[in-house]
Structure formats: C-alpha cells, structure tokens
C-alpha cells in the first residue's frame, strides 16, 4: 500500500511502535522502511533517540516520512506527560 500510494504522487508519514531498535540503521524495520524510500525523521533531526517504552532501553517508537516531508522540529514527550507506557512523538512539518 505504501508503494502504491507513493507512486500515485502522495507523500507518506508512518508513525508507530515498531518493537525494534530504530537507532540501529541495520535493524529490520529501518531496512524495510529504507526499501520503501522512507526515513526516520526524528532520528535524522535529533540523532539517537531515548528509550520510548517505560520498561525498555531502546528507541522503538518512531516517525518515518517520504522525501518532500521536512520537519522544523520534533521530539518525544516525557513519560510523565504521557498517559501511556510509551513516550508520545511529535513533529512540526514545514509546508
């Protein structure tokens, strides 16, 4: 679906809990997203991320975007700000 949508000329944003260390450029999720021509915009902007699950030690939540989607800023909430056991993610997209 991502490939079909991108080929139709649309830009793509995929955000979620990927249960894989997104700081690892050779991890299966990063490799899959790379094949889909998507990049992790928070890591691109800020460098390695924090643990995003309150019992974890890795950045498993992220935001991937296609070319043409550029962000001005973005980041992760604190665990205290989130009613979940994951940090919330946010981005400010440049239009």
N, C-alpha and C. Protein backbone atom coordinates (compact mmCIF):
# COMPACT_ATOMS: atom_id res chain seq x y z
N UNK A 1 0.81 -1.18 0.00
CA UNK A 1 0.00 0.00 0.00
C UNK A 1 0.86 1.26 0.00
N UNK A 2 1.96 1.26 0.75
CA UNK A 2 2.83 2.43 0.80
C UNK A 2 3.41 2.71 -0.58
N UNK A 3 3.91 1.68 -1.25
CA UNK A 3 4.50 1.86 -2.58
C UNK A 3 3.46 2.38 -3.56
N UNK A 4 2.28 1.81 -3.56
CA UNK A 4 1.21 2.24 -4.46
C UNK A 4 0.83 3.70 -4.19
N UNK A 5 0.70 4.06 -2.95
CA UNK A 5 0.33 5.43 -2.58
C UNK A 5 1.42 6.41 -2.98
N UNK A 6 2.68 6.04 -2.75
CA UNK A 6 3.80 6.90 -3.12
C UNK A 6 3.88 7.08 -4.63
N UNK A 7 3.69 5.98 -5.38
CA UNK A 7 3.72 6.05 -6.85
C UNK A 7 2.61 6.92 -7.42
N UNK A 8 1.51 7.04 -6.69
CA UNK A 8 0.40 7.90 -7.11
C UNK A 8 0.72 9.38 -6.86
N UNK A 9 1.91 9.65 -6.33
CA UNK A 9 2.34 11.03 -6.13
C UNK A 9 2.08 11.58 -4.74
N UNK A 10 1.68 10.72 -3.84
CA UNK A 10 1.39 11.17 -2.47
C UNK A 10 2.61 11.06 -1.58
N UNK A 11 2.67 11.92 -0.60
CA UNK A 11 3.70 11.84 0.43
C UNK A 11 3.19 10.95 1.56
N UNK A 12 4.12 10.32 2.27
CA UNK A 12 3.76 9.32 3.27
C UNK A 12 4.37 9.67 4.63
N UNK A 13 3.59 9.48 5.69
CA UNK A 13 4.08 9.51 7.07
C UNK A 13 3.58 8.24 7.75
N UNK A 14 4.51 7.50 8.37
CA UNK A 14 4.16 6.29 9.12
C UNK A 14 4.75 6.45 10.52
N UNK A 15 3.88 6.45 11.52
CA UNK A 15 4.33 6.58 12.91
C UNK A 15 3.83 5.39 13.70
N UNK A 16 4.63 4.96 14.68
CA UNK A 16 4.14 3.86 15.49
C UNK A 16 5.17 3.28 16.43
N UNK A 17 4.71 2.23 17.08
CA UNK A 17 5.53 1.40 17.96
C UNK A 17 5.99 0.23 17.10
N UNK A 18 7.28 0.20 16.76
CA UNK A 18 7.79 -0.79 15.83
C UNK A 18 8.47 -1.98 16.51
N UNK A 19 8.61 -1.93 17.83
CA UNK A 19 9.23 -3.03 18.60
C UNK A 19 10.56 -3.48 18.02
N UNK A 20 11.33 -2.52 17.55
CA UNK A 20 12.67 -2.78 17.03
C UNK A 20 13.50 -1.55 17.37
N UNK A 21 14.77 -1.73 17.63
CA UNK A 21 15.64 -0.61 17.97
C UNK A 21 15.86 0.26 16.73
N UNK A 22 15.17 1.39 16.67
CA UNK A 22 15.25 2.26 15.50
C UNK A 22 16.58 3.01 15.41
N UNK A 23 17.35 3.04 16.49
CA UNK A 23 18.68 3.64 16.43
C UNK A 23 19.64 2.78 15.60
N UNK A 24 19.30 1.52 15.42
CA UNK A 24 20.13 0.59 14.65
C UNK A 24 19.78 0.71 13.16
N UNK A 25 20.66 1.35 12.39
CA UNK A 25 20.43 1.56 10.96
C UNK A 25 20.29 0.26 10.18
N UNK A 26 20.82 -0.84 10.72
CA UNK A 26 20.76 -2.13 10.04
C UNK A 26 19.65 -3.04 10.58
N UNK A 27 18.80 -2.50 11.46
CA UNK A 27 17.69 -3.28 12.00
C UNK A 27 16.64 -3.55 10.93
N UNK A 28 15.80 -4.56 11.14
CA UNK A 28 14.83 -4.94 10.11
C UNK A 28 13.82 -3.85 9.76
N UNK A 29 13.37 -3.07 10.73
CA UNK A 29 12.40 -2.01 10.42
C UNK A 29 13.05 -0.90 9.62
N UNK A 30 14.22 -0.46 10.04
CA UNK A 30 14.92 0.61 9.29
C UNK A 30 15.21 0.17 7.87
N UNK A 31 15.63 -1.09 7.68
CA UNK A 31 15.92 -1.61 6.34
C UNK A 31 14.65 -1.67 5.49
N UNK A 32 13.55 -2.14 6.08
CA UNK A 32 12.28 -2.22 5.35
C UNK A 32 11.83 -0.82 4.93
N UNK A 33 11.89 0.13 5.85
CA UNK A 33 11.47 1.50 5.53
C UNK A 33 12.38 2.12 4.46
N UNK A 34 13.65 1.81 4.53
CA UNK A 34 14.59 2.29 3.51
C UNK A 34 14.19 1.77 2.13
N UNK A 35 13.83 0.49 2.04
CA UNK A 35 13.38 -0.08 0.76
C UNK A 35 12.11 0.61 0.26
N UNK A 36 11.29 1.12 1.19
CA UNK A 36 10.08 1.84 0.84
C UNK A 36 10.33 3.34 0.61
N UNK A 37 11.61 3.72 0.67
CA UNK A 37 12.04 5.12 0.48
C UNK A 37 11.48 6.05 1.56
N UNK A 38 11.46 5.54 2.79
CA UNK A 38 11.05 6.33 3.94
C UNK A 38 12.22 6.46 4.89
N UNK A 39 12.31 7.59 5.55
CA UNK A 39 13.41 7.82 6.50
C UNK A 39 12.82 8.20 7.86
N UNK A 40 13.55 7.89 8.92
CA UNK A 40 13.10 8.19 10.28
C UNK A 40 13.46 9.65 10.57
N UNK A 41 12.45 10.52 10.61
CA UNK A 41 12.70 11.95 10.66
C UNK A 41 13.14 12.45 12.04
N UNK A 42 12.71 11.81 13.11
CA UNK A 42 13.17 12.25 14.43
C UNK A 42 14.65 11.96 14.63
N UNK A 43 15.08 10.77 14.22
CA UNK A 43 16.50 10.43 14.35
C UNK A 43 17.34 11.27 13.39
N UNK A 44 16.81 11.55 12.21
CA UNK A 44 17.50 12.39 11.23
C UNK A 44 17.73 13.79 11.81
N UNK A 45 16.74 14.32 12.52
CA UNK A 45 16.81 15.66 13.09
C UNK A 45 17.64 15.71 14.37
N UNK A 46 17.39 14.75 15.28
CA UNK A 46 17.93 14.83 16.64
C UNK A 46 19.06 13.87 16.96
N UNK A 47 19.34 12.91 16.09
CA UNK A 47 20.32 11.89 16.42
C UNK A 47 19.66 10.77 17.21
N UNK A 48 20.44 9.89 17.83
CA UNK A 48 19.88 8.74 18.54
C UNK A 48 18.81 9.16 19.54
N UNK A 49 17.74 8.36 19.59
CA UNK A 49 16.61 8.68 20.45
C UNK A 49 16.71 8.03 21.82
N UNK A 50 15.79 8.42 22.70
CA UNK A 50 15.75 7.84 24.05
C UNK A 50 14.98 6.53 24.05
N UNK A 51 14.98 5.85 25.19
CA UNK A 51 14.07 4.71 25.31
C UNK A 51 12.65 5.26 25.23
N UNK A 52 11.80 4.61 24.45
CA UNK A 52 10.45 5.13 24.26
C UNK A 52 9.38 4.29 24.94
N UNK A 53 9.78 3.21 25.59
CA UNK A 53 8.86 2.42 26.41
C UNK A 53 9.38 2.48 27.84
N UNK A 54 8.49 2.65 28.80
CA UNK A 54 8.95 2.89 30.17
C UNK A 54 9.72 1.74 30.80
N UNK A 55 9.63 0.54 30.25
CA UNK A 55 10.42 -0.58 30.77
C UNK A 55 11.53 -0.97 29.82
N UNK A 56 11.74 -0.17 28.78
CA UNK A 56 12.72 -0.51 27.77
C UNK A 56 13.98 0.32 27.84
N UNK A 57 14.90 -0.01 26.95
CA UNK A 57 16.17 0.72 26.89
C UNK A 57 16.47 1.20 25.46
N UNK A 58 15.50 1.02 24.54
CA UNK A 58 15.74 1.35 23.13
C UNK A 58 14.65 2.27 22.59
N UNK A 59 14.96 2.91 21.48
CA UNK A 59 14.01 3.75 20.76
C UNK A 59 13.20 2.83 19.84
N UNK A 60 12.00 2.44 20.30
CA UNK A 60 11.20 1.51 19.50
C UNK A 60 10.01 2.21 18.82
N UNK A 61 9.78 3.47 19.15
CA UNK A 61 8.71 4.25 18.55
C UNK A 61 9.34 5.30 17.64
N UNK A 62 8.74 5.52 16.48
CA UNK A 62 9.33 6.48 15.56
C UNK A 62 8.36 6.98 14.53
N UNK A 63 8.86 7.91 13.72
CA UNK A 63 8.09 8.51 12.64
C UNK A 63 8.92 8.46 11.36
N UNK A 64 8.41 7.77 10.37
CA UNK A 64 9.06 7.67 9.07
C UNK A 64 8.31 8.53 8.07
N UNK A 65 9.03 9.16 7.15
CA UNK A 65 8.40 10.03 6.16
C UNK A 65 9.10 9.91 4.82
N UNK A 66 8.35 10.18 3.78
CA UNK A 66 8.90 10.16 2.43
C UNK A 66 9.60 11.48 2.13
N UNK A 67 10.36 11.50 1.05
CA UNK A 67 11.01 12.73 0.60
C UNK A 67 9.94 13.79 0.35
N UNK A 68 10.30 15.02 0.58
CA UNK A 68 9.34 16.10 0.41
C UNK A 68 8.63 16.47 1.70
N UNK A 69 8.76 15.62 2.72
CA UNK A 69 8.22 15.96 4.03
C UNK A 69 9.42 16.32 4.91
N UNK A 70 9.51 17.59 5.20
CA UNK A 70 10.60 18.09 6.03
C UNK A 70 10.02 18.63 7.33
N UNK A 71 10.76 18.43 8.40
CA UNK A 71 10.26 18.89 9.69
C UNK A 71 11.16 19.98 10.25
N UNK A 72 10.51 20.92 10.90
CA UNK A 72 11.20 22.05 11.53
C UNK A 72 11.76 21.62 12.88
N UNK A 73 10.94 20.85 13.60
CA UNK A 73 11.34 20.34 14.91
C UNK A 73 10.51 19.11 15.23
N UNK A 74 10.92 18.38 16.23
CA UNK A 74 10.20 17.19 16.64
C UNK A 74 10.88 16.57 17.84
N UNK A 75 10.15 15.70 18.51
CA UNK A 75 10.75 15.08 19.68
C UNK A 75 9.84 14.07 20.34
N UNK A 76 10.16 13.81 21.58
CA UNK A 76 9.50 12.79 22.39
C UNK A 76 9.02 13.42 23.68
N UNK A 77 7.83 13.05 24.13
CA UNK A 77 7.35 13.53 25.43
C UNK A 77 8.14 12.84 26.53
N UNK A 78 7.94 13.30 27.74
CA UNK A 78 8.46 12.57 28.90
C UNK A 78 7.43 11.49 29.24
N UNK A 79 7.80 10.52 30.03
CA UNK A 79 6.85 9.51 30.46
C UNK A 79 5.77 10.13 31.36
N UNK A 80 6.13 11.17 32.11
CA UNK A 80 5.17 11.82 33.00
C UNK A 80 4.08 12.54 32.19
N UNK A 81 4.40 13.02 30.99
CA UNK A 81 3.42 13.71 30.15
C UNK A 81 2.48 12.75 29.41
N UNK A 82 2.87 11.50 29.33
CA UNK A 82 2.11 10.53 28.55
C UNK A 82 1.25 9.64 29.45
N UNK A 83 -0.04 9.47 29.11
CA UNK A 83 -0.87 8.55 29.89
C UNK A 83 -0.60 7.09 29.53
N UNK A 84 0.27 6.87 28.57
CA UNK A 84 0.61 5.54 28.08
C UNK A 84 1.91 5.06 28.71
N UNK A 85 2.31 3.85 28.39
CA UNK A 85 3.61 3.36 28.82
C UNK A 85 4.68 3.66 27.76
N UNK A 86 4.31 4.44 26.74
CA UNK A 86 5.24 4.89 25.70
C UNK A 86 5.30 6.42 25.71
N UNK A 87 6.44 6.95 25.29
CA UNK A 87 6.55 8.40 25.08
C UNK A 87 5.72 8.76 23.85
N UNK A 88 5.08 9.90 23.87
CA UNK A 88 4.40 10.40 22.68
C UNK A 88 5.43 11.04 21.77
N UNK A 89 5.21 10.95 20.47
CA UNK A 89 6.09 11.53 19.47
C UNK A 89 5.40 12.73 18.85
N UNK A 90 6.17 13.73 18.45
CA UNK A 90 5.57 14.88 17.78
C UNK A 90 6.54 15.44 16.74
N UNK A 91 5.96 16.01 15.68
CA UNK A 91 6.76 16.69 14.66
C UNK A 91 6.03 17.95 14.22
N UNK A 92 6.79 18.95 13.81
CA UNK A 92 6.28 20.18 13.22
C UNK A 92 6.73 20.15 11.76
N UNK A 93 5.78 19.93 10.85
CA UNK A 93 6.09 19.77 9.43
C UNK A 93 6.19 21.12 8.75
N UNK A 94 7.21 21.32 7.94
CA UNK A 94 7.38 22.54 7.15
C UNK A 94 6.51 22.40 5.90
N UNK A 95 5.65 23.40 5.67
CA UNK A 95 4.83 23.38 4.45
C UNK A 95 5.36 24.41 3.49
